[in-house]
Structures are given as structure tokens and as C-alpha cells.
């Protein structure tokens, strides 16, 4: 880990001077690199060599009144920000997070929490075209996590004034052509500290986003709901998740119902194996098509290096029954520094 102290966060804290002065902050930088090779059985592979360069910046500072401020910036492949947010912790209230609307907030945080050792069933380079829940995370949003909930229960409320428009810079705004307007997400997570069943975690969430009903194809809200159960015992972890989306279309009505499950096993401290399956049924007027994705995965860790192998298959990709089944094998070597 490389550490840069008293740099960058002072500017962040300065912008919060209206609340209280701040002590010196700290900014840390961590990173890693992924190197992959993929082989597609039923499609043109092209150049199979892939690389992911990942950097994460974490800054923190404390105000004189006891509030904490934290900055998180995740830089994904090819210098694309995958997640950027600022979190203000108010001791008597909870966390208030301002997110640039790229991922990791609201119902998108639990879009697929079925256990895996590397990636979701549909995310191993095959190209499934599956539609998962996303809520208000696509637009700049504010998320509140209260700290007065019972032990074992975490609740979050996210709000976006324009869920269809992406992130904006300081003193800026974004205007796009998306039909999505204001919306909110509510999610809860319960562990055994609340319900008493050791190893069981329950996640649930709902999302409601207003559509532009002035558009001829929309007559209602964009609604999403999900429920997930994960159970861990010994070296095994199993999980199941259901989700449903109603896009609010009046012309060409479009709904999705998703079911996924996964099972992983830790052979030892270094080696893990897993199996994942995911089905997404698209209902478009009178036409129903189900896309299925399946993968088997293994991961082996040696110090700061991880070797991962996945075999994936997709049927009826992008909800097209005429689509050929897709298969791919992916090998990855990941190094952390």
C-alpha cells in the first residue's frame, strides 16, 4: 500500500468549512492489476488478451464537531471511474453519502448477491445481455444509512432527482434524453444478530423511479423489487435471489423476472470453487423469452497473487431464442499492490 498523507483531502474538508473546521486528513492509494485470457467456443474470440488496471483512493478527515468525512474514488479499467462518493458520518444520525451515480448505491448494491468465487454467472466474458436491477444508481444520488437501527439490521434510503442522468462535476449538472426522472431505493440487510439463525443473511430492496409519462411509450413508474437469502456453514456458502422489474411501458409492455443461485466451497485457505446459475425471463407484450447463464469457477490465492478460472455458458443471449448458445473459458491472474 502506498500512502500519501495530508494531501487532497484538505481541499475536500475546506469545502465543508461551513459545517466546522477540520483536522488534517489522510489520503491512501491501493491498487492491483488483472491479466486475462479468454476463449469463446461459438464466436470469434479476436484478441484474447485483457488487462484491468485498478486503483482506489480513500481519503478521510474529522471535523471539530466530531463528524467524519470520507472520500472514495475507484478507478476501473482504462481510467474509467467505477465508483466515486463522499460520505459524511454524523454520530447521532448515521452516514450521508453523495454518489456520482456509477454503481454501488441503492438497490444496485444488491443486484446479485448470490455467492461466487470470482464473478456472477453472466459476467465471465460470454455476453449474456441480461437485464438486472439498478434503481437510482445510474444518476447522481444521495444515500442515507441511519445508525439507530437494531443490531444486525442495516437499512439504506437512496434518492436521485434525475435517475436517468449521470454524474456532474462541481457546480455542474447533467441533462440527458433518458425517460427516467426522480426516484428512490430502500434496501435492508439482516444478519443472525437480528433473526438468530447463524450464517443466514437476508437482503431485500425496492426501487421506484418516475418515468416521463409525456413520452408515448410510458404510462407508469419504473419499479424494481428483490429478495435474497445467503447461508454459510463450514466451508460452504449457498444463496438464492429473486428480482422483478416493471419498466412502466404502456406501448410494448416490458417486464423482467430474474432467479439466480450459487454455491461455493472453500477447499482450504487458498483454494475456492463455485457454481452459479442465473435465469432472466423477459415479458414483452405477448412474447416471453428466458436467457440463462451458467458458470463454474475456481480461485487460488498465493500471497498477493490470485489465479482464477471460469467456464461460462449462455442460452438465448439478449432474450433472443434464435441466438446461438455461447460458451467461453477465462483465465485471470490478479496482483495486488
Protein backbone atom coordinates (compact mmCIF):
# COMPACT_ATOMS: atom_id res chain seq x y z
CA UNK A 1 0.00 0.00 0.00
CA UNK A 2 1.27 3.47 -0.91
CA UNK A 3 0.24 6.22 1.47
CA UNK A 4 0.15 9.96 0.78
CA UNK A 5 -0.66 11.95 3.90
CA UNK A 6 -2.19 15.43 4.26
CA UNK A 7 -2.84 15.73 0.54
CA UNK A 8 -6.05 16.24 -1.38
CA UNK A 9 -8.49 15.76 1.48
CA UNK A 10 -7.69 19.22 2.84
CA UNK A 11 -9.47 20.60 -0.22
CA UNK A 12 -12.45 18.37 0.49
CA UNK A 13 -12.58 19.40 4.11
CA UNK A 14 -12.20 23.05 3.09
CA UNK A 15 -15.39 22.79 1.07
CA UNK A 16 -17.13 21.71 4.27
CA UNK A 17 -15.88 24.63 6.32
CA UNK A 18 -19.46 25.85 6.61
CA UNK A 19 -20.09 22.94 8.96
CA UNK A 20 -16.92 23.08 11.04
CA UNK A 21 -13.16 23.34 10.70
CA UNK A 22 -11.31 20.09 10.11
CA UNK A 23 -8.15 18.50 11.32
CA UNK A 24 -5.55 17.27 8.83
CA UNK A 25 -6.82 14.43 6.70
CA UNK A 26 -5.21 11.46 5.03
CA UNK A 27 -5.35 10.01 1.53
CA UNK A 28 -4.36 6.41 0.82
CA UNK A 29 -3.90 4.71 -2.51
CA UNK A 30 -4.25 0.99 -3.17
CA UNK A 31 -4.25 -0.85 -6.45
CA UNK A 32 -3.94 -4.01 -8.43
CA UNK A 33 -3.83 -5.41 -11.94
CA UNK A 34 -5.74 -8.21 -13.66
CA UNK A 35 -4.38 -10.08 -16.68
CA UNK A 36 -6.80 -12.36 -18.52
CA UNK A 37 -7.08 -14.72 -21.47
CA UNK A 38 -10.49 -15.68 -22.88
CA UNK A 39 -11.53 -18.35 -25.39
CA UNK A 40 -15.02 -18.26 -26.95
CA UNK A 41 -16.24 -21.60 -28.24
CA UNK A 42 -19.05 -20.44 -30.55
CA UNK A 43 -17.99 -16.94 -31.52
CA UNK A 44 -14.97 -15.11 -32.87
CA UNK A 45 -12.59 -14.53 -30.00
CA UNK A 46 -10.37 -11.92 -31.63
CA UNK A 47 -7.51 -10.80 -29.41
CA UNK A 48 -7.96 -12.83 -26.20
CA UNK A 49 -5.58 -10.79 -24.02
CA UNK A 50 -7.20 -8.48 -21.50
CA UNK A 51 -5.89 -6.28 -18.71
CA UNK A 52 -7.54 -4.43 -15.88
CA UNK A 53 -5.65 -1.74 -14.02
CA UNK A 54 -7.47 -0.83 -10.84
CA UNK A 55 -6.72 1.99 -8.40
CA UNK A 56 -8.64 3.02 -5.31
CA UNK A 57 -8.23 6.33 -3.49
CA UNK A 58 -9.57 6.67 0.05
CA UNK A 59 -9.45 9.96 1.94
CA UNK A 60 -10.71 10.77 5.43
CA UNK A 61 -10.81 13.66 7.87
CA UNK A 62 -12.56 14.65 11.10
CA UNK A 63 -14.37 17.92 11.79
CA UNK A 64 -14.10 19.68 15.12
CA UNK A 65 -17.69 18.78 15.97
CA UNK A 66 -16.95 15.04 15.71
CA UNK A 67 -18.31 14.49 12.22
CA UNK A 68 -16.22 12.31 9.91
CA UNK A 69 -15.80 12.86 6.17
CA UNK A 70 -14.62 10.12 3.82
CA UNK A 71 -13.84 10.26 0.10
CA UNK A 72 -13.77 7.13 -2.07
CA UNK A 73 -12.66 7.04 -5.72
CA UNK A 74 -12.37 3.76 -7.61
CA UNK A 75 -10.61 3.89 -10.99
CA UNK A 76 -11.52 0.92 -13.14
CA UNK A 77 -10.11 -0.33 -16.43
CA UNK A 78 -8.76 2.22 -18.91
CA UNK A 79 -9.01 5.10 -16.44
CA UNK A 80 -12.80 4.81 -16.08
CA UNK A 81 -14.20 5.68 -12.66
CA UNK A 82 -16.28 2.75 -11.44
CA UNK A 83 -17.37 4.36 -8.17
CA UNK A 84 -16.90 7.79 -6.61
CA UNK A 85 -18.56 9.06 -3.46
CA UNK A 86 -18.22 11.25 -0.38
CA UNK A 87 -19.58 10.03 2.96
CA UNK A 88 -20.30 12.28 5.93
CA UNK A 89 -20.74 10.44 9.25
CA UNK A 90 -22.87 12.25 11.84
CA UNK A 91 -22.55 10.35 15.16
CA UNK A 92 -26.15 10.89 16.29
CA UNK A 93 -27.66 10.39 12.84
CA UNK A 94 -25.72 7.99 10.62
CA UNK A 95 -23.99 8.16 7.23
CA UNK A 96 -24.93 10.51 4.41
CA UNK A 97 -23.29 9.57 1.13
CA UNK A 98 -23.20 11.63 -2.05
CA UNK A 99 -22.52 9.36 -5.04
CA UNK A 100 -21.72 10.26 -8.62
CA UNK A 101 -24.15 7.61 -9.79
CA UNK A 102 -21.91 4.95 -11.29
CA UNK A 103 -22.63 1.89 -9.11
CA UNK A 104 -22.68 0.57 -5.58
CA UNK A 105 -25.60 2.50 -4.09
CA UNK A 106 -29.28 1.79 -3.59
CA UNK A 107 -30.73 -1.44 -4.91
CA UNK A 108 -27.83 -1.77 -7.35
CA UNK A 109 -25.64 -2.71 -4.37
CA UNK A 110 -27.61 -5.97 -4.08
CA UNK A 111 -28.42 -6.58 -7.76
CA UNK A 112 -26.85 -10.06 -7.41
CA UNK A 113 -25.51 -11.20 -4.04
CA UNK A 114 -25.54 -14.92 -4.77
CA UNK A 115 -22.17 -16.36 -3.67
CA UNK A 116 -19.37 -16.75 -6.22
CA UNK A 117 -15.60 -17.09 -6.16
CA UNK A 118 -14.96 -14.58 -8.95
CA UNK A 119 -17.90 -13.16 -10.92
CA UNK A 120 -21.64 -13.55 -11.40
CA UNK A 121 -22.87 -16.34 -13.68
CA UNK A 122 -23.43 -13.86 -16.54
CA UNK A 123 -20.20 -11.87 -16.08
CA UNK A 124 -17.47 -14.21 -17.31
CA UNK A 125 -16.97 -12.67 -20.76
CA UNK A 126 -19.72 -14.54 -22.62
CA UNK A 127 -22.04 -11.59 -23.29
CA UNK A 128 -25.46 -12.53 -21.91
CA UNK A 129 -27.34 -9.25 -22.32
CA UNK A 130 -29.22 -9.96 -19.08
CA UNK A 131 -31.12 -7.03 -17.52
CA UNK A 132 -30.59 -6.77 -13.76
CA UNK A 133 -31.97 -4.30 -11.24
CA UNK A 134 -30.24 -0.92 -10.99
CA UNK A 135 -32.53 1.56 -9.22
CA UNK A 136 -31.34 5.16 -8.93
CA UNK A 137 -27.64 4.28 -9.07
CA UNK A 138 -27.39 5.37 -12.70
CA UNK A 139 -27.74 9.02 -11.72
CA UNK A 140 -26.07 11.19 -9.11
CA UNK A 141 -27.76 10.33 -5.81
CA UNK A 142 -27.77 10.81 -2.04
CA UNK A 143 -27.94 7.78 0.25
CA UNK A 144 -28.74 7.81 3.96
CA UNK A 145 -27.79 4.96 6.32
CA UNK A 146 -29.25 5.51 9.81
CA UNK A 147 -27.26 4.27 12.81
CA UNK A 148 -30.21 3.82 15.19
CA UNK A 149 -31.42 0.53 13.72
CA UNK A 150 -31.32 -2.68 15.83
CA UNK A 151 -28.15 -4.80 15.91
CA UNK A 152 -27.91 -6.96 12.81
CA UNK A 153 -30.10 -4.71 10.65
CA UNK A 154 -28.75 -2.26 8.07
CA UNK A 155 -31.21 -0.01 6.26
CA UNK A 156 -30.46 2.45 3.45
CA UNK A 157 -32.51 5.03 1.58
CA UNK A 158 -31.23 6.45 -1.72
CA UNK A 159 -32.69 9.36 -3.68
CA UNK A 160 -31.89 10.80 -7.09
CA UNK A 161 -33.60 13.88 -8.54
CA UNK A 162 -32.83 12.60 -12.05
CA UNK A 163 -32.01 8.88 -12.08
CA UNK A 164 -31.58 8.74 -15.84
CA UNK A 165 -28.77 11.28 -15.95
CA UNK A 166 -25.19 10.54 -14.90
CA UNK A 167 -22.63 12.29 -12.76
CA UNK A 168 -21.88 16.01 -12.77
CA UNK A 169 -18.76 17.91 -11.77
CA UNK A 170 -18.65 20.50 -9.00
CA UNK A 171 -21.22 23.30 -9.60
CA UNK A 172 -22.45 21.42 -12.65
CA UNK A 173 -25.50 19.44 -13.73
CA UNK A 174 -26.37 16.82 -16.30
CA UNK A 175 -29.17 16.82 -18.84
CA UNK A 176 -29.89 13.79 -20.99
CA UNK A 177 -32.59 12.14 -23.05
CA UNK A 178 -33.41 9.32 -20.62
CA UNK A 179 -37.08 8.83 -19.70
CA UNK A 180 -36.13 8.25 -16.03
CA UNK A 181 -36.83 11.14 -13.65
CA UNK A 182 -36.68 11.32 -9.84
CA UNK A 183 -36.67 8.12 -7.82
CA UNK A 184 -35.77 6.38 -4.59
CA UNK A 185 -34.47 3.00 -3.39
CA UNK A 186 -34.96 1.33 0.00
CA UNK A 187 -32.80 -1.64 0.99
CA UNK A 188 -32.40 -3.69 4.17
CA UNK A 189 -29.92 -6.38 5.20
CA UNK A 190 -30.45 -8.64 8.23
CA UNK A 191 -27.88 -10.95 9.84
CA UNK A 192 -28.09 -13.52 12.65
CA UNK A 193 -27.66 -10.75 15.23
CA UNK A 194 -31.24 -9.80 14.37
CA UNK A 195 -33.05 -13.02 13.43
CA UNK A 196 -30.93 -15.53 15.40
CA UNK A 197 -30.15 -18.02 12.57
CA UNK A 198 -26.36 -18.38 12.47
CA UNK A 199 -24.87 -17.98 9.00
CA UNK A 200 -28.05 -16.61 7.37
CA UNK A 201 -28.12 -13.19 5.71
CA UNK A 202 -31.29 -11.72 4.24
CA UNK A 203 -31.26 -8.85 1.73
CA UNK A 204 -34.35 -7.10 0.37
CA UNK A 205 -34.94 -3.96 -1.63
CA UNK A 206 -37.39 -1.95 -3.66
CA UNK A 207 -36.99 0.90 -6.12
CA UNK A 208 -39.45 3.34 -7.67
CA UNK A 209 -38.41 5.80 -10.38
CA UNK A 210 -40.75 8.14 -12.20
CA UNK A 211 -40.87 7.84 -15.97
CA UNK A 212 -41.53 10.68 -18.36
CA UNK A 213 -45.19 9.90 -18.95
CA UNK A 214 -45.20 12.60 -21.60
CA UNK A 215 -43.45 10.04 -23.79
CA UNK A 216 -45.94 7.96 -25.72
CA UNK A 217 -44.46 4.62 -24.63
CA UNK A 218 -44.61 5.17 -20.83
CA UNK A 219 -47.64 5.29 -18.57
CA UNK A 220 -46.26 4.37 -15.13
CA UNK A 221 -43.25 4.19 -12.84
CA UNK A 222 -40.15 2.04 -13.26
CA UNK A 223 -40.47 -0.40 -10.33
CA UNK A 224 -37.93 -2.97 -9.06
CA UNK A 225 -38.08 -5.46 -6.19
CA UNK A 226 -35.65 -8.08 -4.90
CA UNK A 227 -35.20 -10.65 -2.13
CA UNK A 228 -32.03 -12.66 -1.46
CA UNK A 229 -31.05 -15.35 1.06
CA UNK A 230 -27.45 -16.41 1.72
CA UNK A 231 -26.40 -19.14 4.15
CA UNK A 232 -22.85 -20.02 5.19
CA UNK A 233 -21.84 -23.13 7.16
CA UNK A 234 -18.36 -24.56 7.40
CA UNK A 235 -16.62 -24.11 4.05
CA UNK A 236 -19.91 -23.94 2.12
CA UNK A 237 -21.93 -20.87 1.17
CA UNK A 238 -25.22 -21.15 -0.72
CA UNK A 239 -27.57 -18.43 -1.87
CA UNK A 240 -30.71 -17.67 -3.86
CA UNK A 241 -32.03 -14.37 -5.21
CA UNK A 242 -35.23 -13.28 -6.92
CA UNK A 243 -35.84 -9.90 -8.53
CA UNK A 244 -38.52 -8.31 -10.69
CA UNK A 245 -38.64 -5.21 -12.90
CA UNK A 246 -41.64 -3.41 -14.38
CA UNK A 247 -40.35 -0.78 -16.80
CA UNK A 248 -43.65 1.15 -16.83
CA UNK A 249 -44.12 0.92 -20.57
CA UNK A 250 -47.61 1.22 -21.98
CA UNK A 251 -46.58 0.50 -25.55
CA UNK A 252 -44.64 -2.74 -25.84
CA UNK A 253 -45.02 -3.61 -22.16
CA UNK A 254 -41.71 -4.86 -20.82
CA UNK A 255 -41.08 -6.78 -17.58
CA UNK A 256 -38.24 -8.92 -16.24
CA UNK A 257 -38.26 -11.69 -13.63
CA UNK A 258 -34.86 -12.96 -12.51
CA UNK A 259 -33.87 -16.02 -10.47
CA UNK A 260 -30.30 -16.86 -9.52
CA UNK A 261 -28.49 -19.22 -7.20
CA UNK A 262 -24.90 -20.05 -6.33
CA UNK A 263 -22.84 -22.38 -4.17
CA UNK A 264 -19.19 -22.01 -3.20
CA UNK A 265 -16.82 -24.18 -1.22
CA UNK A 266 -13.52 -23.21 0.39
CA UNK A 267 -11.34 -26.28 -0.13
CA UNK A 268 -8.70 -24.67 2.08
CA UNK A 269 -7.49 -21.17 2.95
CA UNK A 270 -6.16 -20.68 -0.59
CA UNK A 271 -8.48 -22.59 -2.95
CA UNK A 272 -12.19 -21.93 -3.57
CA UNK A 273 -14.57 -23.41 -6.15
CA UNK A 274 -18.09 -22.42 -7.11
CA UNK A 275 -21.12 -22.93 -9.36
CA UNK A 276 -23.59 -20.22 -10.40
CA UNK A 277 -26.81 -20.21 -12.40
CA UNK A 278 -28.99 -17.26 -13.39
CA UNK A 279 -32.23 -17.04 -15.38
CA UNK A 280 -33.88 -13.84 -16.61
CA UNK A 281 -37.36 -14.03 -18.14
CA UNK A 282 -38.35 -11.10 -20.35
CA UNK A 283 -42.05 -10.47 -20.86
CA UNK A 284 -42.64 -8.16 -23.83
CA UNK A 285 -46.35 -7.91 -24.70
CA UNK A 286 -47.24 -11.50 -25.69
CA UNK A 287 -43.67 -12.69 -26.18
CA UNK A 288 -41.81 -14.39 -23.31
CA UNK A 289 -38.13 -15.28 -23.61
CA UNK A 290 -35.74 -16.55 -20.94
CA UNK A 291 -31.99 -16.01 -21.02
CA UNK A 292 -29.93 -18.48 -18.96
CA UNK A 293 -26.35 -18.13 -17.78
CA UNK A 294 -24.26 -20.77 -16.01
CA UNK A 295 -20.65 -20.74 -14.83
CA UNK A 296 -18.19 -22.89 -12.92
CA UNK A 297 -15.34 -21.04 -11.25
CA UNK A 298 -12.19 -21.64 -9.23
CA UNK A 299 -9.81 -19.24 -7.50
CA UNK A 300 -6.40 -19.89 -5.91
CA UNK A 301 -4.56 -17.27 -3.84
CA UNK A 302 -0.81 -17.11 -3.22
CA UNK A 303 0.07 -14.09 -1.14
CA UNK A 304 -0.79 -11.02 -3.21
CA UNK A 305 -1.50 -13.05 -6.36
CA UNK A 306 -4.78 -14.74 -7.31
CA UNK A 307 -5.28 -17.16 -10.20
CA UNK A 308 -8.89 -17.55 -11.36
CA UNK A 309 -10.52 -19.83 -13.92
CA UNK A 310 -14.11 -19.72 -15.17
CA UNK A 311 -16.15 -21.69 -17.67
CA UNK A 312 -19.37 -19.94 -18.72
CA UNK A 313 -22.35 -20.71 -20.94
CA UNK A 314 -25.30 -18.57 -22.07
CA UNK A 315 -28.54 -19.69 -23.74
CA UNK A 316 -30.89 -17.32 -25.62
CA UNK A 317 -28.49 -14.38 -25.19
CA UNK A 318 -30.14 -10.93 -25.02
CA UNK A 319 -33.57 -12.63 -24.90
CA UNK A 320 -33.29 -13.93 -28.46
CA UNK A 321 -34.42 -17.53 -28.92
CA UNK A 322 -32.73 -17.59 -32.31
CA UNK A 323 -29.38 -16.71 -30.71
CA UNK A 324 -26.76 -19.44 -30.66
CA UNK A 325 -25.65 -20.77 -27.29
CA UNK A 326 -22.44 -19.09 -26.16
CA UNK A 327 -19.57 -20.65 -24.25
CA UNK A 328 -16.31 -19.18 -23.03
CA UNK A 329 -13.35 -20.09 -20.85
CA UNK A 330 -11.50 -17.35 -19.00
CA UNK A 331 -8.19 -17.42 -17.13
CA UNK A 332 -7.07 -14.49 -15.00
CA UNK A 333 -4.04 -13.62 -12.89
CA UNK A 334 -4.56 -10.79 -10.41
CA UNK A 335 -1.80 -8.99 -8.49
CA UNK A 336 -2.42 -6.60 -5.59
CA UNK A 337 -0.01 -3.86 -4.56
